[in-house]
N, C-alpha and C. Protein backbone atom coordinates (compact mmCIF):
# COMPACT_ATOMS: atom_id res chain seq x y z
N MET A 1 117.46 100.56 89.20
CA MET A 1 116.21 101.63 89.42
C MET A 1 115.12 101.27 88.38
N ILE A 2 113.99 101.12 89.29
CA ILE A 2 112.53 100.85 88.63
C ILE A 2 112.12 102.05 87.56
N ASN A 3 111.66 101.66 86.67
CA ASN A 3 110.71 102.80 86.29
C ASN A 3 109.47 102.97 86.50
N GLU A 4 109.35 104.27 87.37
CA GLU A 4 107.98 104.22 87.98
C GLU A 4 106.75 104.33 87.07
N GLU A 5 106.93 104.96 85.72
CA GLU A 5 105.71 105.06 84.98
C GLU A 5 105.31 103.68 84.71
N ARG A 6 106.38 102.64 84.29
CA ARG A 6 106.04 101.45 84.05
C ARG A 6 105.36 100.58 85.47
N TRP A 7 105.95 100.66 86.67
CA TRP A 7 105.45 100.10 87.84
C TRP A 7 104.28 100.78 88.02
N PHE A 8 103.86 101.69 87.65
CA PHE A 8 102.40 102.33 88.19
C PHE A 8 101.25 101.68 87.07
N LYS A 9 101.82 101.10 86.38
CA LYS A 9 100.87 100.29 85.20
C LYS A 9 100.35 98.92 85.78
N PHE A 10 101.43 98.32 87.05
CA PHE A 10 100.88 97.14 87.48
C PHE A 10 99.92 97.36 88.39
N SER A 11 99.16 96.22 88.62
CA SER A 11 97.93 96.08 89.65
C SER A 11 98.61 96.25 90.99
N LEU A 12 98.39 96.47 92.03
CA LEU A 12 98.67 96.08 93.48
C LEU A 12 99.11 94.82 93.72
N CYS A 13 98.29 93.58 93.40
CA CYS A 13 98.64 92.40 93.29
C CYS A 13 100.04 91.97 92.58
N GLN A 14 100.29 92.69 91.25
CA GLN A 14 101.46 92.52 90.76
C GLN A 14 102.64 93.12 91.26
N GLN A 15 102.32 94.23 92.18
CA GLN A 15 103.25 95.11 92.72
C GLN A 15 103.91 94.34 93.70
N MET A 16 102.72 93.76 94.42
CA MET A 16 103.06 93.16 95.79
C MET A 16 103.70 91.40 95.42
N GLY A 17 103.48 91.25 94.20
CA GLY A 17 104.21 90.06 93.68
C GLY A 17 105.61 90.09 93.62
N HIS A 18 106.22 91.34 93.04
CA HIS A 18 107.48 91.78 92.85
C HIS A 18 108.30 91.90 94.11
N ILE A 19 107.54 92.76 94.96
CA ILE A 19 108.11 92.90 96.48
C ILE A 19 108.33 91.65 96.90
N GLY A 20 107.29 90.49 96.77
CA GLY A 20 107.56 89.17 97.42
C GLY A 20 108.57 88.60 96.98
N SER A 21 109.02 88.90 95.62
CA SER A 21 110.08 88.03 95.02
C SER A 21 111.43 88.65 95.43
N GLU A 22 111.48 89.78 95.78
CA GLU A 22 112.46 90.28 96.39
C GLU A 22 112.79 89.87 97.97
N ILE A 23 111.69 89.45 98.87
CA ILE A 23 111.91 89.08 100.04
C ILE A 23 112.19 87.59 99.84
N ALA A 24 111.62 87.07 98.84
CA ALA A 24 111.94 85.59 98.51
C ALA A 24 113.60 85.47 98.48
N ARG A 25 114.30 86.33 97.74
CA ARG A 25 115.74 86.44 97.40
C ARG A 25 116.20 86.60 98.91
N ALA A 26 115.87 87.62 99.44
CA ALA A 26 116.55 87.89 100.64
C ALA A 26 116.49 86.57 101.80
N ARG A 27 115.32 85.98 101.70
CA ARG A 27 115.35 84.60 102.50
C ARG A 27 116.25 83.69 102.20
N ILE A 28 116.44 83.43 100.95
CA ILE A 28 117.43 82.59 100.26
C ILE A 28 118.78 83.14 100.72
N TRP A 29 119.04 84.14 100.77
CA TRP A 29 120.31 84.75 101.01
C TRP A 29 120.75 84.52 102.72
N GLU A 30 119.43 84.68 103.12
CA GLU A 30 119.65 84.59 104.80
C GLU A 30 119.79 83.05 105.20
N ASP A 31 119.24 82.11 104.45
CA ASP A 31 119.51 80.76 104.60
C ASP A 31 120.59 80.26 104.46
N LYS A 32 121.33 81.10 103.46
CA LYS A 32 122.91 80.66 103.00
C LYS A 32 124.02 81.83 104.00
N ASN A 33 123.39 82.28 104.78
CA ASN A 33 124.22 83.22 105.63
C ASN A 33 124.77 84.09 104.94
N ASP A 34 124.51 84.87 103.85
CA ASP A 34 124.84 85.97 103.08
C ASP A 34 124.13 86.94 103.55
N LEU A 35 124.55 87.66 104.47
CA LEU A 35 123.90 88.80 104.94
C LEU A 35 124.04 90.20 104.03
N LYS A 36 125.06 90.19 103.40
CA LYS A 36 125.33 91.08 102.56
C LYS A 36 123.97 91.10 101.18
N SER A 37 124.23 90.14 100.73
CA SER A 37 123.23 89.73 99.87
C SER A 37 121.77 89.93 100.18
N ARG A 38 121.65 89.23 101.47
CA ARG A 38 120.23 89.38 102.05
C ARG A 38 119.88 90.86 102.07
N ASN A 39 120.77 91.76 102.59
CA ASN A 39 120.55 93.19 102.73
C ASN A 39 120.37 93.76 101.18
N GLN A 40 120.82 93.41 100.20
CA GLN A 40 120.85 94.17 99.26
C GLN A 40 119.38 93.97 98.52
N ALA A 41 118.97 92.53 98.61
CA ALA A 41 117.43 92.13 98.33
C ALA A 41 116.55 93.04 99.11
N LEU A 42 116.67 93.12 100.11
CA LEU A 42 115.91 93.94 101.18
C LEU A 42 115.79 95.48 100.88
N GLU A 43 116.96 95.97 100.28
CA GLU A 43 117.25 97.28 100.06
C GLU A 43 116.08 97.37 98.62
N ARG A 44 116.38 96.38 97.81
CA ARG A 44 115.41 96.36 96.51
C ARG A 44 113.95 96.59 97.14
N ALA A 45 113.54 95.64 97.81
CA ALA A 45 112.21 95.59 98.45
C ALA A 45 111.88 96.91 98.97
N PHE A 46 112.47 97.26 99.90
CA PHE A 46 112.22 98.79 100.57
C PHE A 46 111.74 99.65 99.33
N GLU A 47 112.73 99.75 98.19
CA GLU A 47 112.90 100.74 97.12
C GLU A 47 111.31 100.56 96.36
N LEU A 48 110.92 99.10 96.28
CA LEU A 48 109.83 98.93 95.55
C LEU A 48 108.72 99.36 96.29
N ILE A 49 108.64 99.36 97.57
CA ILE A 49 107.66 99.50 98.65
C ILE A 49 107.36 101.23 98.51
N ASP A 50 108.68 101.49 98.59
CA ASP A 50 108.56 103.39 98.56
C ASP A 50 107.81 103.64 97.41
N ILE A 51 108.26 103.01 96.08
CA ILE A 51 107.51 103.49 94.86
C ILE A 51 106.04 102.95 95.05
N THR A 52 105.78 102.02 95.42
CA THR A 52 104.25 101.71 95.44
C THR A 52 103.43 102.47 96.46
N LYS A 53 104.09 103.17 97.61
CA LYS A 53 103.49 104.17 98.45
C LYS A 53 103.13 105.33 97.68
N ASP A 54 103.86 105.55 96.63
CA ASP A 54 103.61 107.21 95.80
C ASP A 54 102.58 106.78 94.62
N ASP A 55 102.15 105.56 94.51
CA ASP A 55 101.05 105.27 93.56
C ASP A 55 99.58 105.79 94.10
N VAL A 56 99.12 106.89 93.44
CA VAL A 56 98.16 107.46 93.81
C VAL A 56 96.93 106.80 94.10
N ARG A 57 96.78 105.82 93.27
CA ARG A 57 95.73 104.69 93.21
C ARG A 57 95.64 104.04 94.48
N LEU A 58 96.54 103.50 95.32
CA LEU A 58 96.62 102.99 96.35
C LEU A 58 96.93 104.00 97.61
N TYR A 59 96.40 105.00 97.36
CA TYR A 59 96.50 105.70 98.84
C TYR A 59 95.83 105.33 99.92
N LYS A 60 94.74 104.48 99.98
CA LYS A 60 93.97 103.88 101.16
C LYS A 60 95.01 102.39 101.64
N ARG A 61 95.90 102.29 100.92
CA ARG A 61 96.73 100.85 101.14
C ARG A 61 98.09 101.53 101.82
N ARG A 62 98.07 102.84 101.67
CA ARG A 62 99.49 103.30 102.34
C ARG A 62 99.94 102.56 103.56
N ARG A 63 99.02 102.80 104.64
CA ARG A 63 99.33 102.26 105.94
C ARG A 63 99.59 100.72 105.91
N GLU A 64 99.18 100.12 105.15
CA GLU A 64 99.61 98.36 104.95
C GLU A 64 101.03 98.55 104.46
N LEU A 65 101.25 99.31 103.52
CA LEU A 65 102.66 99.38 102.79
C LEU A 65 103.61 99.79 103.78
N CYS A 66 103.16 100.70 104.73
CA CYS A 66 104.19 101.30 105.65
C CYS A 66 104.29 100.15 106.74
N TYR A 67 103.50 99.40 107.00
CA TYR A 67 103.74 98.48 108.16
C TYR A 67 104.56 97.33 107.39
N LEU A 68 104.40 97.14 106.24
CA LEU A 68 105.44 95.92 105.49
C LEU A 68 106.75 96.49 105.73
N ARG A 69 106.69 97.75 105.45
CA ARG A 69 108.07 98.29 105.26
C ARG A 69 108.72 98.28 106.77
N GLU A 70 107.99 98.61 107.72
CA GLU A 70 108.37 98.46 109.12
C GLU A 70 108.87 96.84 109.64
N LEU A 71 108.02 96.27 109.06
CA LEU A 71 108.48 94.64 109.28
C LEU A 71 109.64 94.30 108.80
N LEU A 72 109.99 94.98 107.59
CA LEU A 72 111.31 94.48 106.85
C LEU A 72 112.18 95.04 107.68
N GLY A 73 112.12 96.38 107.82
CA GLY A 73 113.20 97.29 108.58
C GLY A 73 113.75 96.43 109.92
N ASP A 74 112.64 95.97 110.53
CA ASP A 74 112.95 95.17 111.73
C ASP A 74 114.02 93.70 111.38
N LYS A 75 113.41 93.34 110.21
CA LYS A 75 114.33 92.17 109.98
C LYS A 75 115.81 92.54 109.58
N TYR A 76 115.82 94.08 108.80
CA TYR A 76 117.08 94.35 108.14
C TYR A 76 118.36 94.81 109.19
N ILE A 77 117.74 95.27 110.26
CA ILE A 77 118.50 95.46 111.32
C ILE A 77 118.47 94.52 112.35
N ASP A 78 118.00 93.23 112.20
CA ASP A 78 117.96 92.28 112.94
C ASP A 78 117.34 92.57 114.76
N ALA A 79 116.39 93.50 114.65
CA ALA A 79 115.81 93.93 115.97
C ALA A 79 115.01 92.88 116.79
N ALA A 80 114.07 92.28 115.83
CA ALA A 80 113.31 91.09 116.35
C ALA A 80 112.34 91.50 117.11
N VAL A 81 111.78 92.85 117.03
CA VAL A 81 110.81 93.44 117.79
C VAL A 81 109.33 92.84 117.40
N TYR A 82 109.24 92.67 116.16
CA TYR A 82 107.97 91.98 115.89
C TYR A 82 107.97 90.37 115.61
N ASN A 83 109.37 89.83 115.69
CA ASN A 83 109.54 88.38 115.69
C ASN A 83 108.80 87.76 114.28
N THR A 84 108.58 88.48 113.18
CA THR A 84 108.28 87.95 112.07
C THR A 84 109.43 87.70 111.10
N SER A 85 109.25 86.25 110.44
CA SER A 85 110.32 85.80 109.57
C SER A 85 110.25 86.28 108.35
N LEU A 86 111.22 86.38 107.62
CA LEU A 86 111.09 86.59 106.14
C LEU A 86 110.41 85.67 105.51
N LYS A 87 110.15 84.21 105.66
CA LYS A 87 109.25 83.43 104.86
C LYS A 87 107.80 84.02 105.30
N ASP A 88 107.44 84.49 106.43
CA ASP A 88 106.23 84.80 106.59
C ASP A 88 105.79 86.12 105.90
N LEU A 89 106.67 87.04 105.60
CA LEU A 89 106.47 88.27 104.66
C LEU A 89 106.53 87.78 103.38
N GLU A 90 107.11 86.92 102.95
CA GLU A 90 107.13 86.47 101.58
C GLU A 90 105.79 85.71 101.09
N LYS A 91 105.43 85.07 102.29
CA LYS A 91 104.05 84.33 101.93
C LYS A 91 103.16 85.46 101.64
N TYR A 92 103.08 86.38 102.49
CA TYR A 92 102.04 87.52 102.51
C TYR A 92 102.04 88.29 101.13
N CYS A 93 103.12 88.51 100.71
CA CYS A 93 103.48 89.35 99.25
C CYS A 93 103.14 88.23 98.06
N LEU A 94 103.51 87.12 98.39
CA LEU A 94 103.44 86.20 97.08
C LEU A 94 101.78 85.79 96.96
N ASP A 95 100.87 86.02 98.01
CA ASP A 95 99.48 85.39 98.00
C ASP A 95 99.14 86.50 97.17
N PHE A 96 99.47 87.75 97.05
CA PHE A 96 98.76 88.59 96.12
C PHE A 96 99.55 88.22 94.57
N ALA A 97 100.43 87.71 94.55
CA ALA A 97 100.94 87.16 92.98
C ALA A 97 100.00 86.30 92.68
N LEU A 98 99.76 85.37 93.40
CA LEU A 98 98.75 84.32 93.18
C LEU A 98 97.42 84.93 92.49
N VAL A 99 96.84 85.67 93.26
CA VAL A 99 95.47 86.72 92.83
C VAL A 99 95.94 87.41 91.49
N ALA A 100 97.10 88.03 91.12
CA ALA A 100 97.33 88.55 89.85
C ALA A 100 97.57 87.58 88.80
N ASN A 101 98.12 86.46 89.19
CA ASN A 101 97.92 85.18 88.37
C ASN A 101 96.67 84.66 87.84
N LYS A 102 95.85 84.73 88.64
CA LYS A 102 94.48 84.08 88.71
C LYS A 102 93.69 84.92 87.70
N ASP A 103 93.83 86.49 87.88
CA ASP A 103 92.99 87.49 87.24
C ASP A 103 93.59 87.32 85.87
N LYS A 104 94.77 86.66 85.41
CA LYS A 104 94.98 87.12 84.02
C LYS A 104 94.01 86.34 83.06
């Protein structure tokens, strides 16, 4: 369980980078055909997204976060409605991490 007080001190770019790290873990486990571990990493990503949605500073980004959660949910249940890969979602989130590192 993540400490919300600490989480809310991170910038959006840092938060998205952490979410991207969980998605990267999920992709690695998926590549190894370990769906149990993939789903555990996705569940951690869901948790981080949900906490991020509660960050009052990011109210205007809530729709984007909900859409990301919906795309991950599609992968979690293997529905293939959106035909988005974990690699695509990982890249989307980790691009934020690059900005966060650049800002240091």
